[in-house]
Amino acid sequence: MGKTCIVTGSSRGIGRAIALRLAQDGYDVCVNDISAQEQSCQDVVKDIQGLGRKACVAVADVTKLSEVEAMIQTSVKELGDLNTMFVCSNPIP
């Protein structure tokens, strides 16, 4: 069975870099950010898939428990058992 992870705040910046590096290291990645960044999340998913790994998007605000629970459920449904979670946050202006 493969390794899976969720990387929050991974539509851009450090979170994106971490998501791509984990994919290069053999992880399937659930890409997360808030709804305003959904298209950027989709772009990261395409980049990860281009590396030959599985990826999915789970839009969620990590400050809301119910959304975090749904994000984890999405990751498990799409990628399998969760092995690792990286929490990255981008500053809100």
N, C-alpha and C. Protein backbone atom coordinates (compact mmCIF):
# COMPACT_ATOMS: atom_id res chain seq x y z
N MET A 1 0.84 -1.18 0.00
CA MET A 1 0.00 0.00 0.00
C MET A 1 0.88 1.24 0.00
N GLY A 2 0.46 2.29 -0.72
CA GLY A 2 1.23 3.51 -0.84
C GLY A 2 1.10 4.42 0.36
N LYS A 3 1.97 5.40 0.41
CA LYS A 3 1.93 6.40 1.46
C LYS A 3 1.03 7.55 1.00
N THR A 4 0.25 8.09 1.93
CA THR A 4 -0.61 9.21 1.60
C THR A 4 -0.41 10.34 2.60
N CYS A 5 -0.70 11.55 2.16
CA CYS A 5 -0.60 12.70 3.06
C CYS A 5 -1.59 13.78 2.64
N ILE A 6 -1.89 14.63 3.60
CA ILE A 6 -2.63 15.86 3.37
C ILE A 6 -1.65 16.99 3.63
N VAL A 7 -1.63 17.97 2.74
CA VAL A 7 -0.83 19.17 2.97
C VAL A 7 -1.79 20.35 2.92
N THR A 8 -2.00 20.98 4.07
CA THR A 8 -2.90 22.13 4.09
C THR A 8 -2.16 23.36 3.56
N GLY A 9 -2.93 24.31 3.06
CA GLY A 9 -2.33 25.53 2.52
C GLY A 9 -1.40 25.25 1.36
N SER A 10 -1.72 24.22 0.57
CA SER A 10 -0.77 23.77 -0.44
C SER A 10 -1.08 24.24 -1.86
N SER A 11 -1.90 25.29 -1.98
CA SER A 11 -2.17 25.81 -3.31
C SER A 11 -1.05 26.70 -3.83
N ARG A 12 -0.16 27.13 -2.92
CA ARG A 12 0.92 28.03 -3.33
C ARG A 12 2.02 28.03 -2.28
N GLY A 13 3.10 28.69 -2.58
CA GLY A 13 4.17 28.92 -1.62
C GLY A 13 4.81 27.66 -1.06
N ILE A 14 5.13 27.72 0.23
CA ILE A 14 5.81 26.61 0.90
C ILE A 14 4.94 25.37 0.90
N GLY A 15 3.63 25.51 1.11
CA GLY A 15 2.74 24.35 1.10
C GLY A 15 2.77 23.63 -0.23
N ARG A 16 2.76 24.38 -1.32
CA ARG A 16 2.84 23.78 -2.66
C ARG A 16 4.16 23.04 -2.83
N ALA A 17 5.25 23.68 -2.41
CA ALA A 17 6.56 23.05 -2.53
C ALA A 17 6.63 21.75 -1.74
N ILE A 18 6.06 21.74 -0.54
CA ILE A 18 6.04 20.53 0.28
C ILE A 18 5.22 19.44 -0.41
N ALA A 19 4.05 19.80 -0.94
CA ALA A 19 3.19 18.82 -1.62
C ALA A 19 3.92 18.19 -2.80
N LEU A 20 4.59 19.00 -3.60
CA LEU A 20 5.31 18.48 -4.76
C LEU A 20 6.50 17.61 -4.34
N ARG A 21 7.19 18.02 -3.29
CA ARG A 21 8.34 17.23 -2.82
C ARG A 21 7.87 15.87 -2.29
N LEU A 22 6.76 15.86 -1.54
CA LEU A 22 6.24 14.60 -1.03
C LEU A 22 5.83 13.67 -2.18
N ALA A 23 5.25 14.25 -3.23
CA ALA A 23 4.89 13.45 -4.40
C ALA A 23 6.15 12.87 -5.04
N GLN A 24 7.20 13.66 -5.15
CA GLN A 24 8.46 13.16 -5.70
C GLN A 24 9.03 12.04 -4.83
N ASP A 25 8.75 12.09 -3.54
CA ASP A 25 9.24 11.08 -2.60
C ASP A 25 8.31 9.87 -2.48
N GLY A 26 7.27 9.82 -3.33
CA GLY A 26 6.43 8.64 -3.38
C GLY A 26 5.10 8.70 -2.66
N TYR A 27 4.71 9.87 -2.21
CA TYR A 27 3.42 10.02 -1.55
C TYR A 27 2.33 10.37 -2.56
N ASP A 28 1.11 9.88 -2.30
CA ASP A 28 -0.08 10.40 -2.95
C ASP A 28 -0.56 11.54 -2.06
N VAL A 29 -1.00 12.63 -2.66
CA VAL A 29 -1.18 13.87 -1.90
C VAL A 29 -2.60 14.42 -2.03
N CYS A 30 -3.18 14.75 -0.89
CA CYS A 30 -4.43 15.50 -0.84
C CYS A 30 -4.05 16.97 -0.67
N VAL A 31 -4.38 17.76 -1.66
CA VAL A 31 -4.05 19.19 -1.69
C VAL A 31 -5.21 19.96 -1.06
N ASN A 32 -4.89 20.82 -0.10
CA ASN A 32 -5.92 21.57 0.61
C ASN A 32 -5.63 23.06 0.62
N ASP A 33 -6.70 23.82 0.55
CA ASP A 33 -6.67 25.25 0.83
C ASP A 33 -8.11 25.71 0.91
N ILE A 34 -8.31 27.00 1.13
CA ILE A 34 -9.65 27.57 1.21
C ILE A 34 -10.27 27.67 -0.17
N SER A 35 -11.58 27.88 -0.22
CA SER A 35 -12.30 27.87 -1.49
C SER A 35 -11.80 28.91 -2.49
N ALA A 36 -11.30 30.04 -2.01
CA ALA A 36 -10.79 31.07 -2.92
C ALA A 36 -9.56 30.59 -3.69
N GLN A 37 -8.91 29.53 -3.22
CA GLN A 37 -7.71 29.00 -3.87
C GLN A 37 -7.95 27.68 -4.59
N GLU A 38 -9.23 27.33 -4.82
CA GLU A 38 -9.55 26.01 -5.39
C GLU A 38 -8.89 25.78 -6.76
N GLN A 39 -8.88 26.77 -7.63
CA GLN A 39 -8.27 26.57 -8.95
C GLN A 39 -6.77 26.31 -8.82
N SER A 40 -6.12 27.03 -7.92
CA SER A 40 -4.69 26.79 -7.69
C SER A 40 -4.45 25.39 -7.15
N CYS A 41 -5.36 24.90 -6.30
CA CYS A 41 -5.27 23.52 -5.80
C CYS A 41 -5.35 22.54 -6.97
N GLN A 42 -6.27 22.78 -7.89
CA GLN A 42 -6.41 21.90 -9.06
C GLN A 42 -5.13 21.89 -9.88
N ASP A 43 -4.48 23.04 -9.99
CA ASP A 43 -3.22 23.12 -10.73
C ASP A 43 -2.13 22.28 -10.05
N VAL A 44 -2.08 22.31 -8.72
CA VAL A 44 -1.10 21.52 -7.99
C VAL A 44 -1.39 20.03 -8.18
N VAL A 45 -2.67 19.66 -8.17
CA VAL A 45 -3.04 18.26 -8.40
C VAL A 45 -2.52 17.80 -9.77
N LYS A 46 -2.69 18.62 -10.79
CA LYS A 46 -2.19 18.26 -12.12
C LYS A 46 -0.67 18.08 -12.12
N ASP A 47 0.03 18.95 -11.40
CA ASP A 47 1.48 18.83 -11.30
C ASP A 47 1.87 17.51 -10.62
N ILE A 48 1.17 17.16 -9.56
CA ILE A 48 1.45 15.91 -8.84
C ILE A 48 1.15 14.71 -9.72
N GLN A 49 0.04 14.74 -10.42
CA GLN A 49 -0.30 13.65 -11.32
C GLN A 49 0.74 13.52 -12.43
N GLY A 50 1.30 14.64 -12.85
CA GLY A 50 2.36 14.62 -13.84
C GLY A 50 3.62 13.91 -13.34
N LEU A 51 3.76 13.81 -12.02
CA LEU A 51 4.88 13.09 -11.43
C LEU A 51 4.56 11.60 -11.24
N GLY A 52 3.36 11.20 -11.68
CA GLY A 52 2.98 9.81 -11.59
C GLY A 52 2.36 9.40 -10.28
N ARG A 53 1.94 10.36 -9.48
CA ARG A 53 1.32 10.07 -8.19
C ARG A 53 -0.16 10.43 -8.25
N LYS A 54 -0.94 9.85 -7.36
CA LYS A 54 -2.35 10.20 -7.25
C LYS A 54 -2.47 11.46 -6.40
N ALA A 55 -3.50 12.25 -6.68
CA ALA A 55 -3.72 13.48 -5.92
C ALA A 55 -5.20 13.84 -5.99
N CYS A 56 -5.64 14.57 -4.98
CA CYS A 56 -7.02 15.06 -4.96
C CYS A 56 -7.03 16.40 -4.25
N VAL A 57 -8.15 17.11 -4.39
CA VAL A 57 -8.35 18.39 -3.71
C VAL A 57 -9.39 18.21 -2.62
N ALA A 58 -9.12 18.81 -1.48
CA ALA A 58 -10.10 18.89 -0.40
C ALA A 58 -10.13 20.33 0.07
N VAL A 59 -11.12 21.08 -0.38
CA VAL A 59 -11.26 22.47 0.01
C VAL A 59 -11.79 22.49 1.44
N ALA A 60 -11.07 23.20 2.31
CA ALA A 60 -11.49 23.30 3.71
C ALA A 60 -10.76 24.45 4.38
N ASP A 61 -11.44 25.06 5.33
CA ASP A 61 -10.85 26.06 6.20
C ASP A 61 -10.42 25.31 7.46
N VAL A 62 -9.12 25.23 7.71
CA VAL A 62 -8.62 24.42 8.81
C VAL A 62 -8.92 25.00 10.19
N THR A 63 -9.55 26.16 10.22
CA THR A 63 -9.97 26.71 11.51
C THR A 63 -11.36 26.21 11.90
N LYS A 64 -11.97 25.39 11.02
CA LYS A 64 -13.32 24.87 11.28
C LYS A 64 -13.28 23.35 11.36
N LEU A 65 -13.56 22.81 12.54
CA LEU A 65 -13.44 21.38 12.79
C LEU A 65 -14.23 20.54 11.79
N SER A 66 -15.45 20.92 11.50
CA SER A 66 -16.27 20.12 10.59
C SER A 66 -15.64 20.05 9.20
N GLU A 67 -15.00 21.12 8.77
CA GLU A 67 -14.34 21.13 7.46
C GLU A 67 -13.07 20.28 7.47
N VAL A 68 -12.36 20.27 8.59
CA VAL A 68 -11.17 19.43 8.72
C VAL A 68 -11.58 17.96 8.68
N GLU A 69 -12.65 17.61 9.37
CA GLU A 69 -13.14 16.24 9.35
C GLU A 69 -13.51 15.81 7.94
N ALA A 70 -14.19 16.70 7.21
CA ALA A 70 -14.58 16.40 5.82
C ALA A 70 -13.34 16.27 4.93
N MET A 71 -12.33 17.09 5.17
CA MET A 71 -11.09 17.03 4.40
C MET A 71 -10.42 15.67 4.59
N ILE A 72 -10.35 15.21 5.82
CA ILE A 72 -9.74 13.91 6.10
C ILE A 72 -10.54 12.80 5.44
N GLN A 73 -11.85 12.88 5.51
CA GLN A 73 -12.70 11.87 4.86
C GLN A 73 -12.47 11.83 3.35
N THR A 74 -12.36 13.00 2.74
CA THR A 74 -12.08 13.08 1.30
C THR A 74 -10.75 12.41 0.97
N SER A 75 -9.73 12.73 1.75
CA SER A 75 -8.41 12.16 1.51
C SER A 75 -8.44 10.63 1.60
N VAL A 76 -9.06 10.11 2.63
CA VAL A 76 -9.12 8.66 2.82
C VAL A 76 -9.93 8.00 1.70
N LYS A 77 -11.03 8.62 1.33
CA LYS A 77 -11.86 8.07 0.25
C LYS A 77 -11.11 8.02 -1.08
N GLU A 78 -10.39 9.10 -1.39
CA GLU A 78 -9.73 9.22 -2.69
C GLU A 78 -8.37 8.52 -2.75
N LEU A 79 -7.63 8.52 -1.62
CA LEU A 79 -6.24 8.07 -1.67
C LEU A 79 -5.94 6.86 -0.78
N GLY A 80 -6.81 6.55 0.16
CA GLY A 80 -6.54 5.46 1.10
C GLY A 80 -6.15 5.99 2.47
N ASP A 81 -5.78 5.06 3.35
CA ASP A 81 -5.45 5.43 4.72
C ASP A 81 -4.44 6.56 4.79
N LEU A 82 -4.68 7.48 5.70
CA LEU A 82 -3.83 8.66 5.86
C LEU A 82 -2.59 8.30 6.68
N ASN A 83 -1.41 8.63 6.16
CA ASN A 83 -0.16 8.37 6.87
C ASN A 83 0.44 9.62 7.50
N THR A 84 0.30 10.76 6.82
CA THR A 84 1.01 11.97 7.24
C THR A 84 0.14 13.19 6.95
N MET A 85 0.28 14.19 7.80
CA MET A 85 -0.42 15.46 7.55
C MET A 85 0.52 16.60 7.88
N PHE A 86 0.68 17.52 6.91
CA PHE A 86 1.48 18.72 7.10
C PHE A 86 0.54 19.91 7.14
N VAL A 87 0.65 20.72 8.16
CA VAL A 87 -0.19 21.90 8.26
C VAL A 87 0.66 23.12 7.95
N CYS A 88 0.36 23.72 6.80
CA CYS A 88 1.03 24.94 6.37
C CYS A 88 -0.03 26.02 6.27
N SER A 89 0.29 27.20 6.66
CA SER A 89 -0.70 28.26 6.52
C SER A 89 -0.07 29.45 5.82
N ASN A 90 -0.84 30.05 4.96
CA ASN A 90 -0.41 31.26 4.30
C ASN A 90 -1.00 32.43 5.05
N PRO A 91 -0.24 33.47 5.26
CA PRO A 91 -0.76 34.62 5.99
C PRO A 91 -1.93 35.26 5.26
N ILE A 92 -2.91 35.66 6.00
CA ILE A 92 -4.06 36.34 5.43
C ILE A 92 -3.84 37.83 5.56
N PRO A 93 -3.87 38.55 4.43
CA PRO A 93 -3.59 39.99 4.49
C PRO A 93 -4.67 40.75 5.22
